[in-house]
Amino acid sequence: MSIQVTEKAANKIRESLEKQGLEAGGLRLGVRGGGCSGLSYVMRFEAEKKPGDKVFETNGARIFVDMKSYLYLKGMTLDWRGTLMQQAFMFINPNAKRSCGCGQSFTV
């Protein structure tokens, strides 16, 4: 199972990497304990993958995921939604049994 990235999300990732001078890098997705539902998503831009990372490339965007986080993220789709009031990455995670209202934390 892989992690999918929609075209809108991939465009935003590539744009953000370019702004930071990290064109050869990618977006690190991870999971940490905490948040209102038990686990929280973690995202940051990095220049390169770390040893042991799984690397996914979809629509020209690279995603780095450590093996522990991959257990919670496999099969997930990352989307980007931008409106006048809100712009954010959206996590469509089939492993999440319940998510909080903000969509940034979940329970498995």
PDB file of N, CA and C in Angstrom:
ATOM      1  N   MET A   1       0.840  -1.186   0.000  1.00  0.00           N
ATOM      2  CA  MET A   1       0.000   0.000   0.000  1.00  0.00           C
ATOM      3  C   MET A   1       0.878   1.240   0.000  1.00  0.00           C
ATOM      4  N   SER A   2       0.439   2.224  -0.722  1.00  0.00           N
ATOM      5  CA  SER A   2       1.223   3.449  -0.785  1.00  0.00           C
ATOM      6  C   SER A   2       0.435   4.620  -0.210  1.00  0.00           C
ATOM      7  N   ILE A   3       1.058   5.756  -0.222  1.00  0.00           N
ATOM      8  CA  ILE A   3       0.413   6.995   0.163  1.00  0.00           C
ATOM      9  C   ILE A   3       0.191   7.777  -1.118  1.00  0.00           C
ATOM     10  N   GLN A   4      -1.036   8.196  -1.344  1.00  0.00           N
ATOM     11  CA  GLN A   4      -1.397   8.932  -2.549  1.00  0.00           C
ATOM     12  C   GLN A   4      -1.409  10.428  -2.266  1.00  0.00           C
ATOM     13  N   VAL A   5      -1.128  11.200  -3.281  1.00  0.00           N
ATOM     14  CA  VAL A   5      -1.160  12.655  -3.186  1.00  0.00           C
ATOM     15  C   VAL A   5      -1.977  13.168  -4.359  1.00  0.00           C
ATOM     16  N   THR A   6      -2.997  13.961  -4.071  1.00  0.00           N
ATOM     17  CA  THR A   6      -3.809  14.503  -5.157  1.00  0.00           C
ATOM     18  C   THR A   6      -2.982  15.519  -5.942  1.00  0.00           C
ATOM     19  N   GLU A   7      -3.444  15.837  -7.120  1.00  0.00           N
ATOM     20  CA  GLU A   7      -2.736  16.801  -7.956  1.00  0.00           C
ATOM     21  C   GLU A   7      -2.642  18.169  -7.277  1.00  0.00           C
ATOM     22  N   LYS A   8      -3.712  18.602  -6.620  1.00  0.00           N
ATOM     23  CA  LYS A   8      -3.696  19.895  -5.916  1.00  0.00           C
ATOM     24  C   LYS A   8      -2.661  19.891  -4.790  1.00  0.00           C
ATOM     25  N   ALA A   9      -2.615  18.799  -4.019  1.00  0.00           N
ATOM     26  CA  ALA A   9      -1.648  18.703  -2.926  1.00  0.00           C
ATOM     27  C   ALA A   9      -0.226  18.650  -3.470  1.00  0.00           C
ATOM     28  N   ALA A  10      -0.020  17.911  -4.541  1.00  0.00           N
ATOM     29  CA  ALA A  10       1.316  17.806  -5.146  1.00  0.00           C
ATOM     30  C   ALA A  10       1.787  19.178  -5.624  1.00  0.00           C
ATOM     31  N   ASN A  11       0.901  19.940  -6.232  1.00  0.00           N
ATOM     32  CA  ASN A  11       1.266  21.285  -6.685  1.00  0.00           C
ATOM     33  C   ASN A  11       1.690  22.156  -5.510  1.00  0.00           C
ATOM     34  N   LYS A  12       0.957  22.068  -4.403  1.00  0.00           N
ATOM     35  CA  LYS A  12       1.285  22.868  -3.212  1.00  0.00           C
ATOM     36  C   LYS A  12       2.612  22.413  -2.601  1.00  0.00           C
ATOM     37  N   ILE A  13       2.861  21.115  -2.576  1.00  0.00           N
ATOM     38  CA  ILE A  13       4.119  20.592  -2.036  1.00  0.00           C
ATOM     39  C   ILE A  13       5.290  21.088  -2.883  1.00  0.00           C
ATOM     40  N   ARG A  14       5.184  20.936  -4.205  1.00  0.00           N
ATOM     41  CA  ARG A  14       6.267  21.378  -5.094  1.00  0.00           C
ATOM     42  C   ARG A  14       6.512  22.879  -4.960  1.00  0.00           C
ATOM     43  N   GLU A  15       5.444  23.655  -4.885  1.00  0.00           N
ATOM     44  CA  GLU A  15       5.541  25.111  -4.730  1.00  0.00           C
ATOM     45  C   GLU A  15       6.252  25.467  -3.416  1.00  0.00           C
ATOM     46  N   SER A  16       5.891  24.806  -2.340  1.00  0.00           N
ATOM     47  CA  SER A  16       6.501  25.080  -1.029  1.00  0.00           C
ATOM     48  C   SER A  16       7.973  24.675  -0.999  1.00  0.00           C
ATOM     49  N   LEU A  17       8.290  23.527  -1.599  1.00  0.00           N
ATOM     50  CA  LEU A  17       9.687  23.088  -1.658  1.00  0.00           C
ATOM     51  C   LEU A  17      10.528  24.083  -2.441  1.00  0.00           C
ATOM     52  N   GLU A  18       9.990  24.574  -3.543  1.00  0.00           N
ATOM     53  CA  GLU A  18      10.711  25.539  -4.370  1.00  0.00           C
ATOM     54  C   GLU A  18      10.967  26.829  -3.598  1.00  0.00           C
ATOM     55  N   LYS A  19       9.964  27.318  -2.873  1.00  0.00           N
ATOM     56  CA  LYS A  19      10.117  28.543  -2.078  1.00  0.00           C
ATOM     57  C   LYS A  19      11.218  28.408  -1.038  1.00  0.00           C
ATOM     58  N   GLN A  20      11.408  27.188  -0.523  1.00  0.00           N
ATOM     59  CA  GLN A  20      12.402  26.949   0.516  1.00  0.00           C
ATOM     60  C   GLN A  20      13.749  26.501  -0.051  1.00  0.00           C
ATOM     61  N   GLY A  21      13.854  26.419  -1.375  1.00  0.00           N
ATOM     62  CA  GLY A  21      15.103  25.991  -2.002  1.00  0.00           C
ATOM     63  C   GLY A  21      15.378  24.515  -1.829  1.00  0.00           C
ATOM     64  N   LEU A  22      14.322  23.709  -1.673  1.00  0.00           N
ATOM     65  CA  LEU A  22      14.460  22.272  -1.435  1.00  0.00           C
ATOM     66  C   LEU A  22      13.870  21.458  -2.586  1.00  0.00           C
ATOM     67  N   GLU A  23      14.065  21.909  -3.817  1.00  0.00           N
ATOM     68  CA  GLU A  23      13.445  21.264  -4.969  1.00  0.00           C
ATOM     69  C   GLU A  23      13.708  19.763  -5.034  1.00  0.00           C
ATOM     70  N   ALA A  24      14.877  19.321  -4.568  1.00  0.00           N
ATOM     71  CA  ALA A  24      15.219  17.891  -4.611  1.00  0.00           C
ATOM     72  C   ALA A  24      14.695  17.146  -3.385  1.00  0.00           C
ATOM     73  N   GLY A  25      14.062  17.841  -2.470  1.00  0.00           N
ATOM     74  CA  GLY A  25      13.592  17.232  -1.227  1.00  0.00           C
ATOM     75  C   GLY A  25      12.173  16.726  -1.321  1.00  0.00           C
ATOM     76  N   GLY A  26      11.538  16.675  -0.159  1.00  0.00           N
ATOM     77  CA  GLY A  26      10.177  16.170  -0.112  1.00  0.00           C
ATOM     78  C   GLY A  26       9.478  16.581   1.164  1.00  0.00           C
ATOM     79  N   LEU A  27       8.254  16.147   1.284  1.00  0.00           N
ATOM     80  CA  LEU A  27       7.441  16.414   2.470  1.00  0.00           C
ATOM     81  C   LEU A  27       7.488  15.192   3.376  1.00  0.00           C
ATOM     82  N   ARG A  28       7.910  15.400   4.614  1.00  0.00           N
ATOM     83  CA  ARG A  28       7.899  14.322   5.596  1.00  0.00           C
ATOM     84  C   ARG A  28       6.538  14.286   6.265  1.00  0.00           C
ATOM     85  N   LEU A  29       5.908  13.111   6.209  1.00  0.00           N
ATOM     86  CA  LEU A  29       4.661  12.879   6.922  1.00  0.00           C
ATOM     87  C   LEU A  29       4.958  11.926   8.068  1.00  0.00           C
ATOM     88  N   GLY A  30       4.390  12.211   9.213  1.00  0.00           N
ATOM     89  CA  GLY A  30       4.592  11.347  10.356  1.00  0.00           C
ATOM     90  C   GLY A  30       3.407  11.401  11.298  1.00  0.00           C
ATOM     91  N   VAL A  31       3.526  10.648  12.360  1.00  0.00           N
ATOM     92  CA  VAL A  31       2.490  10.561  13.389  1.00  0.00           C
ATOM     93  C   VAL A  31       3.176  10.652  14.743  1.00  0.00           C
ATOM     94  N   ARG A  32       2.562  11.372  15.665  1.00  0.00           N
ATOM     95  CA  ARG A  32       3.070  11.427  17.042  1.00  0.00           C
ATOM     96  C   ARG A  32       1.887  11.351  17.991  1.00  0.00           C
ATOM     97  N   GLY A  33       2.153  10.916  19.191  1.00  0.00           N
ATOM     98  CA  GLY A  33       1.116  10.858  20.206  1.00  0.00           C
ATOM     99  C   GLY A  33       0.687  12.251  20.600  1.00  0.00           C
ATOM    100  N   GLY A  34      -0.605  12.415  20.849  1.00  0.00           N
ATOM    101  CA  GLY A  34      -1.119  13.715  21.276  1.00  0.00           C
ATOM    102  C   GLY A  34      -2.273  14.147  20.405  1.00  0.00           C
ATOM    103  N   GLY A  35      -2.743  15.333  20.645  1.00  0.00           N
ATOM    104  CA  GLY A  35      -3.886  15.836  19.899  1.00  0.00           C
ATOM    105  C   GLY A  35      -5.170  15.434  20.590  1.00  0.00           C
ATOM    106  N   CYS A  36      -6.268  15.988  20.142  1.00  0.00           N
ATOM    107  CA  CYS A  36      -7.539  15.742  20.824  1.00  0.00           C
ATOM    108  C   CYS A  36      -8.099  14.349  20.563  1.00  0.00           C
ATOM    109  N   SER A  37      -7.548  13.611  19.600  1.00  0.00           N
ATOM    110  CA  SER A  37      -8.054  12.260  19.336  1.00  0.00           C
ATOM    111  C   SER A  37      -7.032  11.167  19.619  1.00  0.00           C
ATOM    112  N   GLY A  38      -5.858  11.513  20.127  1.00  0.00           N
ATOM    113  CA  GLY A  38      -4.876  10.496  20.499  1.00  0.00           C
ATOM    114  C   GLY A  38      -3.606  10.511  19.687  1.00  0.00           C
ATOM    115  N   LEU A  39      -3.699  10.657  18.365  1.00  0.00           N
ATOM    116  CA  LEU A  39      -2.531  10.737  17.492  1.00  0.00           C
ATOM    117  C   LEU A  39      -2.658  11.981  16.626  1.00  0.00           C
ATOM    118  N   SER A  40      -1.522  12.622  16.347  1.00  0.00           N
ATOM    119  CA  SER A  40      -1.523  13.823  15.514  1.00  0.00           C
ATOM    120  C   SER A  40      -0.634  13.616  14.300  1.00  0.00           C
ATOM    121  N   TYR A  41      -1.020  14.242  13.209  1.00  0.00           N
ATOM    122  CA  TYR A  41      -0.196  14.224  12.004  1.00  0.00           C
ATOM    123  C   TYR A  41       0.928  15.239  12.158  1.00  0.00           C
ATOM    124  N   VAL A  42       2.094  14.894  11.619  1.00  0.00           N
ATOM    125  CA  VAL A  42       3.253  15.777  11.627  1.00  0.00           C
ATOM    126  C   VAL A  42       3.696  15.944  10.179  1.00  0.00           C
ATOM    127  N   MET A  43       3.979  17.180   9.798  1.00  0.00           N
ATOM    128  CA  MET A  43       4.440  17.464   8.442  1.00  0.00           C
ATOM    129  C   MET A  43       5.573  18.473   8.511  1.00  0.00           C
ATOM    130  N   ARG A  44       6.601  18.250   7.678  1.00  0.00           N
ATOM    131  CA  ARG A  44       7.659  19.249   7.524  1.00  0.00           C
ATOM    132  C   ARG A  44       8.386  18.970   6.212  1.00  0.00           C
ATOM    133  N   PHE A  45       8.985  19.989   5.666  1.00  0.00           N
ATOM    134  CA  PHE A  45       9.727  19.847   4.420  1.00  0.00           C
ATOM    135  C   PHE A  45      11.177  19.539   4.748  1.00  0.00           C
ATOM    136  N   GLU A  46      11.748  18.577   4.016  1.00  0.00           N
ATOM    137  CA  GLU A  46      13.132  18.166   4.262  1.00  0.00           C
ATOM    138  C   GLU A  46      13.889  18.049   2.952  1.00  0.00           C
ATOM    139  N   ALA A  47      15.199  18.245   3.041  1.00  0.00           N
ATOM    140  CA  ALA A  47      16.063  18.212   1.860  1.00  0.00           C
ATOM    141  C   ALA A  47      16.238  16.812   1.299  1.00  0.00           C
ATOM    142  N   GLU A  48      16.214  15.804   2.177  1.00  0.00           N
ATOM    143  CA  GLU A  48      16.422  14.423   1.705  1.00  0.00           C
ATOM    144  C   GLU A  48      15.813  13.421   2.669  1.00  0.00           C
ATOM    145  N   LYS A  49      15.662  12.208   2.191  1.00  0.00           N
ATOM    146  CA  LYS A  49      15.100  11.151   3.031  1.00  0.00           C
ATOM    147  C   LYS A  49      16.119  10.716   4.067  1.00  0.00           C
ATOM    148  N   LYS A  50      15.635  10.057   5.108  1.00  0.00           N
ATOM    149  CA  LYS A  50      16.499   9.498   6.142  1.00  0.00           C
ATOM    150  C   LYS A  50      16.617   7.997   5.915  1.00  0.00           C
ATOM    151  N   PRO A  51      17.673   7.379   6.437  1.00  0.00           N
ATOM    152  CA  PRO A  51      17.799   5.923   6.283  1.00  0.00           C
ATOM    153  C   PRO A  51      16.568   5.210   6.848  1.00  0.00           C
ATOM    154  N   GLY A  52      16.057   4.248   6.113  1.00  0.00           N
ATOM    155  CA  GLY A  52      14.897   3.481   6.552  1.00  0.00           C
ATOM    156  C   GLY A  52      13.558   4.073   6.157  1.00  0.00           C
ATOM    157  N   ASP A  53      13.552   5.280   5.591  1.00  0.00           N
ATOM    158  CA  ASP A  53      12.293   5.897   5.165  1.00  0.00           C
ATOM    159  C   ASP A  53      11.694   5.166   3.976  1.00  0.00           C
ATOM    160  N   LYS A  54      10.388   5.163   3.922  1.00  0.00           N
ATOM    161  CA  LYS A  54       9.678   4.782   2.705  1.00  0.00           C
ATOM    162  C   LYS A  54       9.497   6.083   1.929  1.00  0.00           C
ATOM    163  N   VAL A  55       9.692   6.019   0.620  1.00  0.00           N
ATOM    164  CA  VAL A  55       9.562   7.202  -0.224  1.00  0.00           C
ATOM    165  C   VAL A  55       8.481   6.929  -1.258  1.00  0.00           C
ATOM    166  N   PHE A  56       7.539   7.857  -1.368  1.00  0.00           N
ATOM    167  CA  PHE A  56       6.461   7.754  -2.339  1.00  0.00           C
ATOM    168  C   PHE A  56       6.529   8.984  -3.233  1.00  0.00           C
ATOM    169  N   GLU A  57       6.331   8.788  -4.520  1.00  0.00           N
ATOM    170  CA  GLU A  57       6.278   9.921  -5.428  1.00  0.00           C
ATOM    171  C   GLU A  57       4.995   9.819  -6.235  1.00  0.00           C
ATOM    172  N   THR A  58       4.179  10.834  -6.102  1.00  0.00           N
ATOM    173  CA  THR A  58       2.897  10.892  -6.798  1.00  0.00           C
ATOM    174  C   THR A  58       2.726  12.285  -7.361  1.00  0.00           C
ATOM    175  N   ASN A  59       2.342  12.370  -8.609  1.00  0.00           N
ATOM    176  CA  ASN A  59       2.129  13.664  -9.262  1.00  0.00           C
ATOM    177  C   ASN A  59       3.329  14.592  -9.103  1.00  0.00           C
ATOM    178  N   GLY A  60       4.536  14.025  -9.089  1.00  0.00           N
ATOM    179  CA  GLY A  60       5.754  14.819  -9.010  1.00  0.00           C
ATOM    180  C   GLY A  60       6.129  15.300  -7.623  1.00  0.00           C
ATOM    181  N   ALA A  61       5.421  14.865  -6.589  1.00  0.00           N
ATOM    182  CA  ALA A  61       5.731  15.262  -5.207  1.00  0.00           C
ATOM    183  C   ALA A  61       6.263  14.052  -4.450  1.00  0.00           C
ATOM    184  N   ARG A  62       7.379  14.238  -3.735  1.00  0.00           N
ATOM    185  CA  ARG A  62       7.960  13.171  -2.931  1.00  0.00           C
ATOM    186  C   ARG A  62       7.492  13.275  -1.483  1.00  0.00           C
ATOM    187  N   ILE A  63       7.155  12.111  -0.929  1.00  0.00           N
ATOM    188  CA  ILE A  63       6.716  12.002   0.458  1.00  0.00           C
ATOM    189  C   ILE A  63       7.672  11.055   1.171  1.00  0.00           C
ATOM    190  N   PHE A  64       8.204  11.474   2.314  1.00  0.00           N
ATOM    191  CA  PHE A  64       9.076  10.642   3.149  1.00  0.00           C
ATOM    192  C   PHE A  64       8.288  10.228   4.389  1.00  0.00           C
ATOM    193  N   VAL A  65       8.328   8.928   4.714  1.00  0.00           N
ATOM    194  CA  VAL A  65       7.603   8.412   5.885  1.00  0.00           C
ATOM    195  C   VAL A  65       8.484   7.412   6.605  1.00  0.00           C
ATOM    196  N   ASP A  66       8.666   7.605   7.911  1.00  0.00           N
ATOM    197  CA  ASP A  66       9.413   6.614   8.694  1.00  0.00           C
ATOM    198  C   ASP A  66       8.536   5.372   8.874  1.00  0.00           C
ATOM    199  N   MET A  67       9.158   4.244   9.146  1.00  0.00           N
ATOM    200  CA  MET A  67       8.436   2.965   9.193  1.00  0.00           C
ATOM    201  C   MET A  67       7.365   2.926  10.285  1.00  0.00           C
ATOM    202  N   LYS A  68       7.624   3.531  11.436  1.00  0.00           N
ATOM    203  CA  LYS A  68       6.635   3.517  12.517  1.00  0.00           C
ATOM    204  C   LYS A  68       5.379   4.292  12.104  1.00  0.00           C
ATOM    205  N   SER A  69       5.570   5.465  11.518  1.00  0.00           N
ATOM    206  CA  SER A  69       4.424   6.262  11.073  1.00  0.00           C
ATOM    207  C   SER A  69       3.681   5.582   9.937  1.00  0.00           C
ATOM    208  N   TYR A  70       4.409   4.859   9.091  1.00  0.00           N
ATOM    209  CA  TYR A  70       3.786   4.197   7.946  1.00  0.00           C
ATOM    210  C   TYR A  70       2.686   3.230   8.388  1.00  0.00           C
ATOM    211  N   LEU A  71       2.842   2.614   9.549  1.00  0.00           N
ATOM    212  CA  LEU A  71       1.812   1.701  10.056  1.00  0.00           C
ATOM    213  C   LEU A  71       0.458   2.395  10.181  1.00  0.00           C
ATOM    214  N   TYR A  72       0.467   3.697  10.482  1.00  0.00           N
ATOM    215  CA  TYR A  72      -0.767   4.460  10.662  1.00  0.00           C
ATOM    216  C   TYR A  72      -1.200   5.210   9.400  1.00  0.00           C
ATOM    217  N   LEU A  73      -0.275   5.357   8.441  1.00  0.00           N
ATOM    218  CA  LEU A  73      -0.546   6.182   7.264  1.00  0.00           C
ATOM    219  C   LEU A  73      -0.736   5.401   5.974  1.00  0.00           C
ATOM    220  N   LYS A  74      -0.442   4.100   5.972  1.00  0.00           N
ATOM    221  CA  LYS A  74      -0.527   3.349   4.716  1.00  0.00           C
ATOM    222  C   LYS A  74      -1.941   3.396   4.147  1.00  0.00           C
ATOM    223  N   GLY A  75      -2.006   3.633   2.850  1.00  0.00           N
ATOM    224  CA  GLY A  75      -3.295   3.734   2.175  1.00  0.00           C
ATOM    225  C   GLY A  75      -3.920   5.116   2.227  1.00  0.00           C
ATOM    226  N   MET A  76      -3.267   6.053   2.881  1.00  0.00           N
ATOM    227  CA  MET A  76      -3.790   7.399   3.055  1.00  0.00           C
ATOM    228  C   MET A  76      -3.689   8.214   1.763  1.00  0.00           C
ATOM    229  N   THR A  77      -4.569   9.191   1.612  1.00  0.00           N
ATOM    230  CA  THR A  77      -4.490  10.168   0.530  1.00  0.00           C
ATOM    231  C   THR A  77      -4.337  11.548   1.149  1.00  0.00           C
ATOM    232  N   LEU A  78      -3.383  12.308   0.635  1.00  0.00           N
ATOM    233  CA  LEU A  78      -3.168  13.683   1.083  1.00  0.00           C
ATOM    234  C   LEU A  78      -3.761  14.609   0.025  1.00  0.00           C
ATOM    235  N   ASP A  79      -4.650  15.492   0.453  1.00  0.00           N
ATOM    236  CA  ASP A  79      -5.310  16.418  -0.460  1.00  0.00           C
ATOM    237  C   ASP A  79      -5.025  17.843   0.003  1.00  0.00           C
ATOM    238  N   TRP A  80      -5.268  18.798  -0.874  1.00  0.00           N
ATOM    239  CA  TRP A  80      -5.145  20.224  -0.539  1.00  0.00           C
ATOM    240  C   TRP A  80      -6.476  20.893  -0.847  1.00  0.00           C
ATOM    241  N   ARG A  81      -6.974  21.620   0.115  1.00  0.00           N
ATOM    242  CA  ARG A  81      -8.217  22.366  -0.098  1.00  0.00           C
ATOM    243  C   ARG A  81      -7.958  23.815   0.253  1.00  0.00           C
ATOM    244  N   GLY A  82      -8.258  24.656  -0.673  1.00  0.00           N
ATOM    245  CA  GLY A  82      -8.062  26.078  -0.448  1.00  0.00           C
ATOM    246  C   GLY A  82      -9.325  26.849  -0.754  1.00  0.00           C
ATOM    247  N   THR A  83      -9.798  27.584   0.242  1.00  0.00           N
ATOM    248  CA  THR A  83     -10.947  28.464   0.070  1.00  0.00           C
ATOM    249  C   THR A  83     -10.536  29.848   0.560  1.00  0.00           C
ATOM    250  N   LEU A  84     -11.423  30.768   0.450  1.00  0.00           N
ATOM    251  CA  LEU A  84     -11.157  32.117   0.927  1.00  0.00           C
ATOM    252  C   LEU A  84     -10.911  32.134   2.436  1.00  0.00           C
ATOM    253  N   MET A  85     -11.576  31.242   3.156  1.00  0.00           N
ATOM    254  CA  MET A  85     -11.496  31.214   4.618  1.00  0.00           C
ATOM    255  C   MET A  85     -10.426  30.266   5.162  1.00  0.00           C
ATOM    256  N   GLN A  86     -10.069  29.231   4.387  1.00  0.00           N
ATOM    257  CA  GLN A  86      -9.152  28.227   4.920  1.00  0.00           C
ATOM    258  C   GLN A  86      -8.341  27.587   3.798  1.00  0.00           C
ATOM    259  N   GLN A  87      -7.066  27.385   4.068  1.00  0.00           N
ATOM    260  CA  GLN A  87      -6.194  26.654   3.163  1.00  0.00           C
ATOM    261  C   GLN A  87      -5.432  25.644   3.999  1.00  0.00           C
ATOM    262  N   ALA A  88      -5.538  24.355   3.621  1.00  0.00           N
ATOM    263  CA  ALA A  88      -4.899  23.331   4.447  1.00  0.00           C
ATOM    264  C   ALA A  88      -4.783  22.015   3.699  1.00  0.00           C
ATOM    265  N   PHE A  89      -3.804  21.226   4.122  1.00  0.00           N
ATOM    266  CA  PHE A  89      -3.726  19.847   3.671  1.00  0.00           C
ATOM    267  C   PHE A  89      -4.805  19.063   4.409  1.00  0.00           C
ATOM    268  N   MET A  90      -5.428  18.135   3.713  1.00  0.00           N
ATOM    269  CA  MET A  90      -6.466  17.290   4.293  1.00  0.00           C
ATOM    270  C   MET A  90      -5.978  15.846   4.255  1.00  0.00           C
ATOM    271  N   PHE A  91      -6.151  15.129   5.343  1.00  0.00           N
ATOM    272  CA  PHE A  91      -5.721  13.745   5.461  1.00  0.00           C
ATOM    273  C   PHE A  91      -6.933  12.830   5.312  1.00  0.00           C
ATOM    274  N   ILE A  92      -6.927  12.008   4.286  1.00  0.00           N
ATOM    275  CA  ILE A  92      -7.985  11.027   4.078  1.00  0.00           C
ATOM    276  C   ILE A  92      -7.355   9.685   4.420  1.00  0.00           C
ATOM    277  N   ASN A  93      -7.552   9.271   5.667  1.00  0.00           N
ATOM    278  CA  ASN A  93      -6.829   8.131   6.216  1.00  0.00           C
ATOM    279  C   ASN A  93      -7.784   6.980   6.525  1.00  0.00           C
ATOM    280  N   PRO A  94      -7.703   5.883   5.759  1.00  0.00           N
ATOM    281  CA  PRO A  94      -8.603   4.753   6.000  1.00  0.00           C
ATOM    282  C   PRO A  94      -8.316   4.026   7.316  1.00  0.00           C
ATOM    283  N   ASN A  95      -7.168   4.301   7.937  1.00  0.00           N
ATOM    284  CA  ASN A  95      -6.815   3.670   9.212  1.00  0.00           C
ATOM    285  C   ASN A  95      -7.440   4.383  10.409  1.00  0.00           C
ATOM    286  N   ALA A  96      -7.902   5.605  10.202  1.00  0.00           N
ATOM    287  CA  ALA A  96      -8.473   6.391  11.289  1.00  0.00           C
ATOM    288  C   ALA A  96      -9.898   5.934  11.577  1.00  0.00           C
ATOM    289  N   LYS A  97     -10.141   5.545  12.803  1.00  0.00           N
ATOM    290  CA  LYS A  97     -11.485   5.153  13.224  1.00  0.00           C
ATOM    291  C   LYS A  97     -12.322   6.380  13.573  1.00  0.00           C
ATOM    292  N   ARG A  98     -11.627   7.423  14.039  1.00  0.00           N
ATOM    293  CA  ARG A  98     -12.299   8.660  14.427  1.00  0.00           C
ATOM    294  C   ARG A  98     -11.298   9.799  14.258  1.00  0.00           C
ATOM    295  N   SER A  99     -11.769  10.951  13.794  1.00  0.00           N
ATOM    296  CA  SER A  99     -10.924  12.140  13.650  1.00  0.00           C
ATOM    297  C   SER A  99     -11.546  13.287  14.419  1.00  0.00           C
ATOM    298  N   CYS A 100     -10.714  14.245  14.784  1.00  0.00           N
ATOM    299  CA  CYS A 100     -11.240  15.426  15.468  1.00  0.00           C
ATOM    300  C   CYS A 100     -11.821  16.384  14.435  1.00  0.00           C
ATOM    301  N   GLY A 101     -12.449  17.422  14.882  1.00  0.00           N
ATOM    302  CA  GLY A 101     -13.080  18.379  13.994  1.00  0.00           C
ATOM    303  C   GLY A 101     -12.118  19.101  13.087  1.00  0.00           C
ATOM    304  N   CYS A 102     -10.896  19.335  13.548  1.00  0.00           N
ATOM    305  CA  CYS A 102      -9.928  20.060  12.733  1.00  0.00           C
ATOM    306  C   CYS A 102      -9.249  19.156  11.701  1.00  0.00           C
ATOM    307  N   GLY A 103      -9.361  17.837  11.876  1.00  0.00           N
ATOM    308  CA  GLY A 103      -8.772  16.898  10.929  1.00  0.00           C
ATOM    309  C   GLY A 103      -7.284  16.685  11.121  1.00  0.00           C
ATOM    310  N   GLN A 104      -6.698  17.234  12.184  1.00  0.00           N
ATOM    311  CA  GLN A 104      -5.269  17.106  12.403  1.00  0.00           C
ATOM    312  C   GLN A 104      -4.893  16.001  13.381  1.00  0.00           C
ATOM    313  N   SER A 105      -5.875  15.370  14.006  1.00  0.00           N
ATOM    314  CA  SER A 105      -5.584  14.255  14.902  1.00  0.00           C
ATOM    315  C   SER A 105      -6.638  13.166  14.688  1.00  0.00           C
ATOM    316  N   PHE A 106      -6.279  11.944  15.120  1.00  0.00           N
ATOM    317  CA  PHE A 106      -7.144  10.806  14.843  1.00  0.00           C
ATOM    318  C   PHE A 106      -6.903   9.700  15.843  1.00  0.00           C
ATOM    319  N   THR A 107      -7.803   8.715  15.834  1.00  0.00           N
ATOM    320  CA  THR A 107      -7.714   7.518  16.649  1.00  0.00           C
ATOM    321  C   THR A 107      -7.735   6.313  15.716  1.00  0.00           C
ATOM    322  N   VAL A 108      -6.931   5.297  16.053  1.00  0.00           N
ATOM    323  CA  VAL A 108      -6.955   4.056  15.253  1.00  0.00           C
ATOM    324  C   VAL A 108      -7.628   2.958  16.022  1.00  0.00           C
TER     325      VAL A 108
END
